[in-house]
Amino acid sequence: ASITSGGSIDYAESVKGRFTISRGNARNTVYLQMNSLK
């Protein structure tokens, strides 16, 4: 998964619908929420 400073997000097909990438308020942090792990 990737996220730009402008908020553009892309995911690998294998994780779409399960993973969520986000930036923290400090803008120097990034999170990856991984649900329904396989």
PDB file of all heavy atoms in Angstrom:
ATOM      1  N   ALA A   1       0.841  -1.184   0.000  1.00  0.00           N
ATOM      2  CA  ALA A   1       0.000   0.000   0.000  1.00  0.00           C
ATOM      3  C   ALA A   1       0.878   1.236   0.000  1.00  0.00           C
ATOM      4  O   ALA A   1       1.994   1.214   0.521  1.00  0.00           O
ATOM      5  CB  ALA A   1      -0.933   0.020   1.213  1.00  0.00           C
ATOM      6  N   SER A   2       0.379   2.304  -0.580  1.00  0.00           N
ATOM      7  CA  SER A   2       1.114   3.552  -0.610  1.00  0.00           C
ATOM      8  C   SER A   2       0.157   4.714  -0.429  1.00  0.00           C
ATOM      9  O   SER A   2      -1.023   4.635  -0.780  1.00  0.00           O
ATOM     10  CB  SER A   2       1.894   3.710  -1.919  1.00  0.00           C
ATOM     11  OG  SER A   2       1.019   3.815  -3.025  1.00  0.00           O
ATOM     12  N   ILE A   3       0.692   5.791   0.117  1.00  0.00           N
ATOM     13  CA  ILE A   3      -0.094   7.009   0.282  1.00  0.00           C
ATOM     14  C   ILE A   3       0.839   8.195   0.074  1.00  0.00           C
ATOM     15  O   ILE A   3       1.948   8.235   0.607  1.00  0.00           O
ATOM     16  CB  ILE A   3      -0.788   7.057   1.661  1.00  0.00           C
ATOM     17  CG1 ILE A   3      -1.679   8.295   1.773  1.00  0.00           C
ATOM     18  CG2 ILE A   3       0.221   6.987   2.798  1.00  0.00           C
ATOM     19  CD1 ILE A   3      -2.614   8.252   2.980  1.00  0.00           C
ATOM     20  N   THR A   4       0.402   9.154  -0.722  1.00  0.00           N
ATOM     21  CA  THR A   4       1.193  10.343  -0.982  1.00  0.00           C
ATOM     22  C   THR A   4       0.806  11.445  -0.021  1.00  0.00           C
ATOM     23  O   THR A   4      -0.189  11.354   0.704  1.00  0.00           O
ATOM     24  CB  THR A   4       1.003  10.829  -2.419  1.00  0.00           C
ATOM     25  OG1 THR A   4      -0.323  11.354  -2.570  1.00  0.00           O
ATOM     26  CG2 THR A   4       1.214   9.697  -3.414  1.00  0.00           C
ATOM     27  N   SER A   5       1.599  12.512  -0.032  1.00  0.00           N
ATOM     28  CA  SER A   5       1.280  13.658   0.813  1.00  0.00           C
ATOM     29  C   SER A   5      -0.048  14.293   0.425  1.00  0.00           C
ATOM     30  O   SER A   5      -0.691  14.933   1.255  1.00  0.00           O
ATOM     31  CB  SER A   5       2.399  14.695   0.732  1.00  0.00           C
ATOM     32  OG  SER A   5       2.587  15.145  -0.595  1.00  0.00           O
ATOM     33  N   GLY A   6      -0.452  14.103  -0.824  1.00  0.00           N
ATOM     34  CA  GLY A   6      -1.728  14.618  -1.282  1.00  0.00           C
ATOM     35  C   GLY A   6      -2.905  13.705  -1.014  1.00  0.00           C
ATOM     36  O   GLY A   6      -4.042  14.062  -1.335  1.00  0.00           O
ATOM     37  N   GLY A   7      -2.639  12.546  -0.451  1.00  0.00           N
ATOM     38  CA  GLY A   7      -3.707  11.645  -0.076  1.00  0.00           C
ATOM     39  C   GLY A   7      -4.055  10.579  -1.089  1.00  0.00           C
ATOM     40  O   GLY A   7      -5.025   9.835  -0.894  1.00  0.00           O
ATOM     41  N   SER A   8      -3.291  10.484  -2.159  1.00  0.00           N
ATOM     42  CA  SER A   8      -3.535   9.434  -3.141  1.00  0.00           C
ATOM     43  C   SER A   8      -3.108   8.092  -2.573  1.00  0.00           C
ATOM     44  O   SER A   8      -2.002   7.956  -2.050  1.00  0.00           O
ATOM     45  CB  SER A   8      -2.779   9.730  -4.430  1.00  0.00           C
ATOM     46  OG  SER A   8      -2.995   8.724  -5.389  1.00  0.00           O
ATOM     47  N   ILE A   9      -3.968   7.107  -2.685  1.00  0.00           N
ATOM     48  CA  ILE A   9      -3.747   5.802  -2.072  1.00  0.00           C
ATOM     49  C   ILE A   9      -3.851   4.707  -3.121  1.00  0.00           C
ATOM     50  O   ILE A   9      -4.731   4.734  -3.983  1.00  0.00           O
ATOM     51  CB  ILE A   9      -4.770   5.551  -0.948  1.00  0.00           C
ATOM     52  CG1 ILE A   9      -4.561   6.547   0.197  1.00  0.00           C
ATOM     53  CG2 ILE A   9      -4.673   4.118  -0.443  1.00  0.00           C
ATOM     54  CD1 ILE A   9      -5.627   6.478   1.261  1.00  0.00           C
ATOM     55  N   ASP A  10      -2.962   3.758  -3.026  1.00  0.00           N
ATOM     56  CA  ASP A  10      -3.007   2.576  -3.872  1.00  0.00           C
ATOM     57  C   ASP A  10      -2.769   1.340  -3.017  1.00  0.00           C
ATOM     58  O   ASP A  10      -2.009   1.378  -2.051  1.00  0.00           O
ATOM     59  CB  ASP A  10      -1.952   2.638  -4.977  1.00  0.00           C
ATOM     60  CG  ASP A  10      -2.292   3.642  -6.050  1.00  0.00           C
ATOM     61  OD1 ASP A  10      -3.334   3.469  -6.706  1.00  0.00           O
ATOM     62  OD2 ASP A  10      -1.520   4.601  -6.238  1.00  0.00           O
ATOM     63  N   TYR A  11      -3.426   0.250  -3.392  1.00  0.00           N
ATOM     64  CA  TYR A  11      -3.279  -1.021  -2.703  1.00  0.00           C
ATOM     65  C   TYR A  11      -2.970  -2.123  -3.692  1.00  0.00           C
ATOM     66  O   TYR A  11      -3.400  -2.082  -4.850  1.00  0.00           O
ATOM     67  CB  TYR A  11      -4.559  -1.416  -1.960  1.00  0.00           C
ATOM     68  CG  TYR A  11      -4.971  -0.501  -0.847  1.00  0.00           C
ATOM     69  CD1 TYR A  11      -5.972   0.442  -1.031  1.00  0.00           C
ATOM     70  CD2 TYR A  11      -4.371  -0.591   0.405  1.00  0.00           C
ATOM     71  CE1 TYR A  11      -6.362   1.277  -0.007  1.00  0.00           C
ATOM     72  CE2 TYR A  11      -4.756   0.244   1.438  1.00  0.00           C
ATOM     73  CZ  TYR A  11      -5.753   1.175   1.231  1.00  0.00           C
ATOM     74  OH  TYR A  11      -6.139   1.999   2.260  1.00  0.00           O
ATOM     75  N   ALA A  12      -2.235  -3.099  -3.221  1.00  0.00           N
ATOM     76  CA  ALA A  12      -2.099  -4.313  -3.992  1.00  0.00           C
ATOM     77  C   ALA A  12      -3.453  -5.009  -4.065  1.00  0.00           C
ATOM     78  O   ALA A  12      -4.252  -4.948  -3.126  1.00  0.00           O
ATOM     79  CB  ALA A  12      -1.069  -5.243  -3.351  1.00  0.00           C
ATOM     80  N   GLU A  13      -3.712  -5.677  -5.186  1.00  0.00           N
ATOM     81  CA  GLU A  13      -4.995  -6.339  -5.359  1.00  0.00           C
ATOM     82  C   GLU A  13      -5.258  -7.362  -4.256  1.00  0.00           C
ATOM     83  O   GLU A  13      -6.407  -7.537  -3.837  1.00  0.00           O
ATOM     84  CB  GLU A  13      -5.054  -7.022  -6.724  1.00  0.00           C
ATOM     85  CG  GLU A  13      -5.253  -6.073  -7.894  1.00  0.00           C
ATOM     86  CD  GLU A  13      -6.613  -5.404  -7.873  1.00  0.00           C
ATOM     87  OE1 GLU A  13      -7.584  -6.032  -7.413  1.00  0.00           O
ATOM     88  OE2 GLU A  13      -6.706  -4.252  -8.326  1.00  0.00           O
ATOM     89  N   SER A  14      -4.235  -7.988  -3.773  1.00  0.00           N
ATOM     90  CA  SER A  14      -4.400  -9.039  -2.786  1.00  0.00           C
ATOM     91  C   SER A  14      -4.870  -8.537  -1.419  1.00  0.00           C
ATOM     92  O   SER A  14      -5.332  -9.334  -0.601  1.00  0.00           O
ATOM     93  CB  SER A  14      -3.089  -9.811  -2.614  1.00  0.00           C
ATOM     94  OG  SER A  14      -2.049  -8.951  -2.182  1.00  0.00           O
ATOM     95  N   VAL A  15      -4.761  -7.225  -1.180  1.00  0.00           N
ATOM     96  CA  VAL A  15      -5.136  -6.695   0.129  1.00  0.00           C
ATOM     97  C   VAL A  15      -6.292  -5.718   0.068  1.00  0.00           C
ATOM     98  O   VAL A  15      -6.753  -5.246   1.119  1.00  0.00           O
ATOM     99  CB  VAL A  15      -3.935  -6.030   0.833  1.00  0.00           C
ATOM    100  CG1 VAL A  15      -2.761  -6.989   0.913  1.00  0.00           C
ATOM    101  CG2 VAL A  15      -3.543  -4.738   0.131  1.00  0.00           C
ATOM    102  N   LYS A  16      -6.781  -5.414  -1.120  1.00  0.00           N
ATOM    103  CA  LYS A  16      -7.890  -4.481  -1.242  1.00  0.00           C
ATOM    104  C   LYS A  16      -9.105  -4.981  -0.470  1.00  0.00           C
ATOM    105  O   LYS A  16      -9.459  -6.152  -0.534  1.00  0.00           O
ATOM    106  CB  LYS A  16      -8.262  -4.276  -2.710  1.00  0.00           C
ATOM    107  CG  LYS A  16      -7.298  -3.394  -3.474  1.00  0.00           C
ATOM    108  CD  LYS A  16      -7.765  -3.168  -4.907  1.00  0.00           C
ATOM    109  CE  LYS A  16      -6.837  -2.233  -5.647  1.00  0.00           C
ATOM    110  NZ  LYS A  16      -7.258  -2.042  -7.065  1.00  0.00           N
ATOM    111  N   GLY A  17      -9.718  -4.069   0.248  1.00  0.00           N
ATOM    112  CA  GLY A  17     -10.873  -4.412   1.054  1.00  0.00           C
ATOM    113  C   GLY A  17     -10.533  -4.938   2.426  1.00  0.00           C
ATOM    114  O   GLY A  17     -11.431  -5.054   3.272  1.00  0.00           O
ATOM    115  N   ARG A  18      -9.271  -5.253   2.662  1.00  0.00           N
ATOM    116  CA  ARG A  18      -8.861  -5.785   3.955  1.00  0.00           C
ATOM    117  C   ARG A  18      -7.890  -4.867   4.687  1.00  0.00           C
ATOM    118  O   ARG A  18      -7.933  -4.771   5.911  1.00  0.00           O
ATOM    119  CB  ARG A  18      -8.207  -7.158   3.788  1.00  0.00           C
ATOM    120  CG  ARG A  18      -9.122  -8.202   3.176  1.00  0.00           C
ATOM    121  CD  ARG A  18      -8.484  -9.589   3.223  1.00  0.00           C
ATOM    122  NE  ARG A  18      -7.256  -9.653   2.431  1.00  0.00           N
ATOM    123  CZ  ARG A  18      -6.060  -9.958   2.922  1.00  0.00           C
ATOM    124  NH1 ARG A  18      -5.925 -10.234   4.218  1.00  0.00           N
ATOM    125  NH2 ARG A  18      -5.002 -10.009   2.129  1.00  0.00           N
ATOM    126  N   PHE A  19      -7.016  -4.208   3.944  1.00  0.00           N
ATOM    127  CA  PHE A  19      -6.002  -3.337   4.543  1.00  0.00           C
ATOM    128  C   PHE A  19      -6.354  -1.880   4.296  1.00  0.00           C
ATOM    129  O   PHE A  19      -6.927  -1.526   3.252  1.00  0.00           O
ATOM    130  CB  PHE A  19      -4.622  -3.604   3.939  1.00  0.00           C
ATOM    131  CG  PHE A  19      -4.008  -4.925   4.298  1.00  0.00           C
ATOM    132  CD1 PHE A  19      -4.726  -5.909   4.959  1.00  0.00           C
ATOM    133  CD2 PHE A  19      -2.686  -5.182   3.959  1.00  0.00           C
ATOM    134  CE1 PHE A  19      -4.152  -7.129   5.280  1.00  0.00           C
ATOM    135  CE2 PHE A  19      -2.097  -6.393   4.277  1.00  0.00           C
ATOM    136  CZ  PHE A  19      -2.837  -7.365   4.938  1.00  0.00           C
ATOM    137  N   THR A  20      -5.975  -1.029   5.236  1.00  0.00           N
ATOM    138  CA  THR A  20      -6.179   0.403   5.105  1.00  0.00           C
ATOM    139  C   THR A  20      -4.908   1.134   5.512  1.00  0.00           C
ATOM    140  O   THR A  20      -4.404   0.926   6.619  1.00  0.00           O
ATOM    141  CB  THR A  20      -7.344   0.897   5.974  1.00  0.00           C
ATOM    142  OG1 THR A  20      -8.539   0.199   5.613  1.00  0.00           O
ATOM    143  CG2 THR A  20      -7.565   2.392   5.769  1.00  0.00           C
ATOM    144  N   ILE A  21      -4.404   1.976   4.625  1.00  0.00           N
ATOM    145  CA  ILE A  21      -3.235   2.783   4.925  1.00  0.00           C
ATOM    146  C   ILE A  21      -3.690   4.198   5.258  1.00  0.00           C
ATOM    147  O   ILE A  21      -4.634   4.720   4.662  1.00  0.00           O
ATOM    148  CB  ILE A  21      -2.232   2.784   3.751  1.00  0.00           C
ATOM    149  CG1 ILE A  21      -0.911   3.447   4.157  1.00  0.00           C
ATOM    150  CG2 ILE A  21      -2.826   3.446   2.523  1.00  0.00           C
ATOM    151  CD1 ILE A  21       0.194   3.279   3.111  1.00  0.00           C
ATOM    152  N   SER A  22      -3.026   4.821   6.209  1.00  0.00           N
ATOM    153  CA  SER A  22      -3.383   6.174   6.600  1.00  0.00           C
ATOM    154  C   SER A  22      -2.163   6.890   7.140  1.00  0.00           C
ATOM    155  O   SER A  22      -1.191   6.266   7.575  1.00  0.00           O
ATOM    156  CB  SER A  22      -4.504   6.171   7.645  1.00  0.00           C
ATOM    157  OG  SER A  22      -4.104   5.492   8.820  1.00  0.00           O
ATOM    158  N   ARG A  23      -2.213   8.219   7.096  1.00  0.00           N
ATOM    159  CA  ARG A  23      -1.158   9.060   7.636  1.00  0.00           C
ATOM    160  C   ARG A  23      -1.592   9.616   8.981  1.00  0.00           C
ATOM    161  O   ARG A  23      -2.767   9.927   9.193  1.00  0.00           O
ATOM    162  CB  ARG A  23      -0.844  10.218   6.690  1.00  0.00           C
ATOM    163  CG  ARG A  23      -0.318   9.800   5.318  1.00  0.00           C
ATOM    164  CD  ARG A  23       1.142   9.387   5.388  1.00  0.00           C
ATOM    165  NE  ARG A  23       2.033  10.514   5.660  1.00  0.00           N
ATOM    166  CZ  ARG A  23       2.584  11.282   4.728  1.00  0.00           C
ATOM    167  NH1 ARG A  23       2.335  11.058   3.436  1.00  0.00           N
ATOM    168  NH2 ARG A  23       3.399  12.271   5.074  1.00  0.00           N
ATOM    169  N   GLY A  24      -0.631   9.758   9.877  1.00  0.00           N
ATOM    170  CA  GLY A  24      -0.908  10.356  11.158  1.00  0.00           C
ATOM    171  C   GLY A  24      -0.955  11.866  11.067  1.00  0.00           C
ATOM    172  O   GLY A  24      -0.574  12.470  10.067  1.00  0.00           O
ATOM    173  N   ASN A  25      -1.425  12.489  12.151  1.00  0.00           N
ATOM    174  CA  ASN A  25      -1.525  13.944  12.171  1.00  0.00           C
ATOM    175  C   ASN A  25      -0.176  14.627  12.016  1.00  0.00           C
ATOM    176  O   ASN A  25      -0.095  15.723  11.458  1.00  0.00           O
ATOM    177  CB  ASN A  25      -2.190  14.401  13.466  1.00  0.00           C
ATOM    178  CG  ASN A  25      -3.655  14.036  13.535  1.00  0.00           C
ATOM    179  OD1 ASN A  25      -4.316  13.867  12.507  1.00  0.00           O
ATOM    180  ND2 ASN A  25      -4.172  13.931  14.746  1.00  0.00           N
ATOM    181  N   ALA A  26       0.866  13.999  12.494  1.00  0.00           N
ATOM    182  CA  ALA A  26       2.204  14.569  12.386  1.00  0.00           C
ATOM    183  C   ALA A  26       2.764  14.496  10.977  1.00  0.00           C
ATOM    184  O   ALA A  26       3.789  15.103  10.694  1.00  0.00           O
ATOM    185  CB  ALA A  26       3.151  13.862  13.353  1.00  0.00           C
ATOM    186  N   ARG A  27       2.130  13.764  10.114  1.00  0.00           N
ATOM    187  CA  ARG A  27       2.482  13.604   8.708  1.00  0.00           C
ATOM    188  C   ARG A  27       3.787  12.845   8.493  1.00  0.00           C
ATOM    189  O   ARG A  27       4.164  12.602   7.347  1.00  0.00           O
ATOM    190  CB  ARG A  27       2.547  14.951   7.996  1.00  0.00           C
ATOM    191  CG  ARG A  27       1.306  15.823   8.183  1.00  0.00           C
ATOM    192  CD  ARG A  27       0.038  15.088   7.797  1.00  0.00           C
ATOM    193  NE  ARG A  27      -0.017  14.801   6.368  1.00  0.00           N
ATOM    194  CZ  ARG A  27      -0.921  14.005   5.804  1.00  0.00           C
ATOM    195  NH1 ARG A  27      -1.830  13.401   6.545  1.00  0.00           N
ATOM    196  NH2 ARG A  27      -0.888  13.818   4.484  1.00  0.00           N
ATOM    197  N   ASN A  28       4.469  12.495   9.554  1.00  0.00           N
ATOM    198  CA  ASN A  28       5.652  11.668   9.430  1.00  0.00           C
ATOM    199  C   ASN A  28       5.409  10.267   9.970  1.00  0.00           C
ATOM    200  O   ASN A  28       6.360   9.533  10.261  1.00  0.00           O
ATOM    201  CB  ASN A  28       6.851  12.310  10.125  1.00  0.00           C
ATOM    202  CG  ASN A  28       6.659  12.427  11.623  1.00  0.00           C
ATOM    203  OD1 ASN A  28       5.545  12.342  12.125  1.00  0.00           O
ATOM    204  ND2 ASN A  28       7.760  12.628  12.338  1.00  0.00           N
ATOM    205  N   THR A  29       4.158   9.920  10.104  1.00  0.00           N
ATOM    206  CA  THR A  29       3.781   8.590  10.532  1.00  0.00           C
ATOM    207  C   THR A  29       2.821   7.983   9.523  1.00  0.00           C
ATOM    208  O   THR A  29       2.075   8.688   8.849  1.00  0.00           O
ATOM    209  CB  THR A  29       3.118   8.595  11.923  1.00  0.00           C
ATOM    210  OG1 THR A  29       1.967   9.451  11.896  1.00  0.00           O
ATOM    211  CG2 THR A  29       4.087   9.097  12.976  1.00  0.00           C
ATOM    212  N   VAL A  30       2.852   6.690   9.427  1.00  0.00           N
ATOM    213  CA  VAL A  30       1.944   5.976   8.547  1.00  0.00           C
ATOM    214  C   VAL A  30       1.506   4.709   9.255  1.00  0.00           C
ATOM    215  O   VAL A  30       2.286   4.095   9.999  1.00  0.00           O
ATOM    216  CB  VAL A  30       2.602   5.669   7.183  1.00  0.00           C
ATOM    217  CG1 VAL A  30       3.799   4.741   7.345  1.00  0.00           C
ATOM    218  CG2 VAL A  30       1.585   5.087   6.209  1.00  0.00           C
ATOM    219  N   TYR A  31       0.262   4.329   9.031  1.00  0.00           N
ATOM    220  CA  TYR A  31      -0.306   3.157   9.660  1.00  0.00           C
ATOM    221  C   TYR A  31      -0.829   2.208   8.597  1.00  0.00           C
ATOM    222  O   TYR A  31      -1.206   2.614   7.500  1.00  0.00           O
ATOM    223  CB  TYR A  31      -1.449   3.547  10.600  1.00  0.00           C
ATOM    224  CG  TYR A  31      -1.061   4.560  11.637  1.00  0.00           C
ATOM    225  CD1 TYR A  31      -1.313   5.914  11.436  1.00  0.00           C
ATOM    226  CD2 TYR A  31      -0.435   4.176  12.816  1.00  0.00           C
ATOM    227  CE1 TYR A  31      -0.947   6.853  12.385  1.00  0.00           C
ATOM    228  CE2 TYR A  31      -0.071   5.106  13.767  1.00  0.00           C
ATOM    229  CZ  TYR A  31      -0.332   6.439  13.550  1.00  0.00           C
ATOM    230  OH  TYR A  31       0.033   7.364  14.493  1.00  0.00           O
ATOM    231  N   LEU A  32      -0.849   0.964   8.938  1.00  0.00           N
ATOM    232  CA  LEU A  32      -1.460  -0.038   8.082  1.00  0.00           C
ATOM    233  C   LEU A  32      -2.367  -0.901   8.945  1.00  0.00           C
ATOM    234  O   LEU A  32      -1.883  -1.710   9.749  1.00  0.00           O
ATOM    235  CB  LEU A  32      -0.411  -0.902   7.385  1.00  0.00           C
ATOM    236  CG  LEU A  32      -0.959  -1.888   6.355  1.00  0.00           C
ATOM    237  CD1 LEU A  32      -1.541  -1.135   5.151  1.00  0.00           C
ATOM    238  CD2 LEU A  32       0.124  -2.854   5.890  1.00  0.00           C
ATOM    239  N   GLN A  33      -3.660  -0.679   8.812  1.00  0.00           N
ATOM    240  CA  GLN A  33      -4.638  -1.503   9.497  1.00  0.00           C
ATOM    241  C   GLN A  33      -4.907  -2.732   8.649  1.00  0.00           C
ATOM    242  O   GLN A  33      -5.346  -2.617   7.506  1.00  0.00           O
ATOM    243  CB  GLN A  33      -5.934  -0.724   9.730  1.00  0.00           C
ATOM    244  CG  GLN A  33      -7.031  -1.519  10.409  1.00  0.00           C
ATOM    245  CD  GLN A  33      -6.690  -1.891  11.826  1.00  0.00           C
ATOM    246  OE1 GLN A  33      -6.204  -1.055  12.582  1.00  0.00           O
ATOM    247  NE2 GLN A  33      -6.927  -3.140  12.199  1.00  0.00           N
ATOM    248  N   MET A  34      -4.641  -3.888   9.196  1.00  0.00           N
ATOM    249  CA  MET A  34      -4.770  -5.136   8.469  1.00  0.00           C
ATOM    250  C   MET A  34      -5.866  -5.969   9.115  1.00  0.00           C
ATOM    251  O   MET A  34      -5.722  -6.427  10.252  1.00  0.00           O
ATOM    252  CB  MET A  34      -3.447  -5.904   8.462  1.00  0.00           C
ATOM    253  CG  MET A  34      -2.276  -5.101   7.919  1.00  0.00           C
ATOM    254  SD  MET A  34      -0.749  -6.088   7.788  1.00  0.00           S
ATOM    255  CE  MET A  34      -0.449  -6.424   9.520  1.00  0.00           C
ATOM    256  N   ASN A  35      -6.951  -6.140   8.394  1.00  0.00           N
ATOM    257  CA  ASN A  35      -8.078  -6.926   8.862  1.00  0.00           C
ATOM    258  C   ASN A  35      -8.201  -8.203   8.044  1.00  0.00           C
ATOM    259  O   ASN A  35      -7.673  -8.312   6.942  1.00  0.00           O
ATOM    260  CB  ASN A  35      -9.376  -6.124   8.757  1.00  0.00           C
ATOM    261  CG  ASN A  35      -9.384  -4.881   9.611  1.00  0.00           C
ATOM    262  OD1 ASN A  35      -8.783  -4.854  10.685  1.00  0.00           O
ATOM    263  ND2 ASN A  35     -10.081  -3.849   9.151  1.00  0.00           N
ATOM    264  N   SER A  36      -8.928  -9.148   8.596  1.00  0.00           N
ATOM    265  CA  SER A  36      -9.178 -10.421   7.910  1.00  0.00           C
ATOM    266  C   SER A  36      -7.887 -11.035   7.393  1.00  0.00           C
ATOM    267  O   SER A  36      -7.790 -11.457   6.234  1.00  0.00           O
ATOM    268  CB  SER A  36     -10.173 -10.208   6.761  1.00  0.00           C
ATOM    269  OG  SER A  36     -11.391  -9.681   7.229  1.00  0.00           O
ATOM    270  N   LEU A  37      -6.911 -11.092   8.252  1.00  0.00           N
ATOM    271  CA  LEU A  37      -5.602 -11.578   7.840  1.00  0.00           C
ATOM    272  C   LEU A  37      -5.653 -13.046   7.414  1.00  0.00           C
ATOM    273  O   LEU A  37      -6.387 -13.852   7.989  1.00  0.00           O
ATOM    274  CB  LEU A  37      -4.592 -11.394   8.965  1.00  0.00           C
ATOM    275  CG  LEU A  37      -4.094  -9.956   9.123  1.00  0.00           C
ATOM    276  CD1 LEU A  37      -3.450  -9.754  10.487  1.00  0.00           C
ATOM    277  CD2 LEU A  37      -3.106  -9.615   8.012  1.00  0.00           C
ATOM    278  N   LYS A  38      -4.864 -13.343   6.409  1.00  0.00           N
ATOM    279  CA  LYS A  38      -4.771 -14.679   5.845  1.00  0.00           C
ATOM    280  C   LYS A  38      -3.352 -15.213   6.013  1.00  0.00           C
ATOM    281  O   LYS A  38      -2.408 -14.434   6.123  1.00  0.00           O
ATOM    282  CB  LYS A  38      -5.128 -14.654   4.356  1.00  0.00           C
ATOM    283  CG  LYS A  38      -6.490 -14.070   4.036  1.00  0.00           C
ATOM    284  CD  LYS A  38      -6.687 -13.982   2.526  1.00  0.00           C
ATOM    285  CE  LYS A  38      -8.036 -13.394   2.180  1.00  0.00           C
ATOM    286  NZ  LYS A  38      -8.218 -13.293   0.699  1.00  0.00           N
TER     287      LYS A  38
END
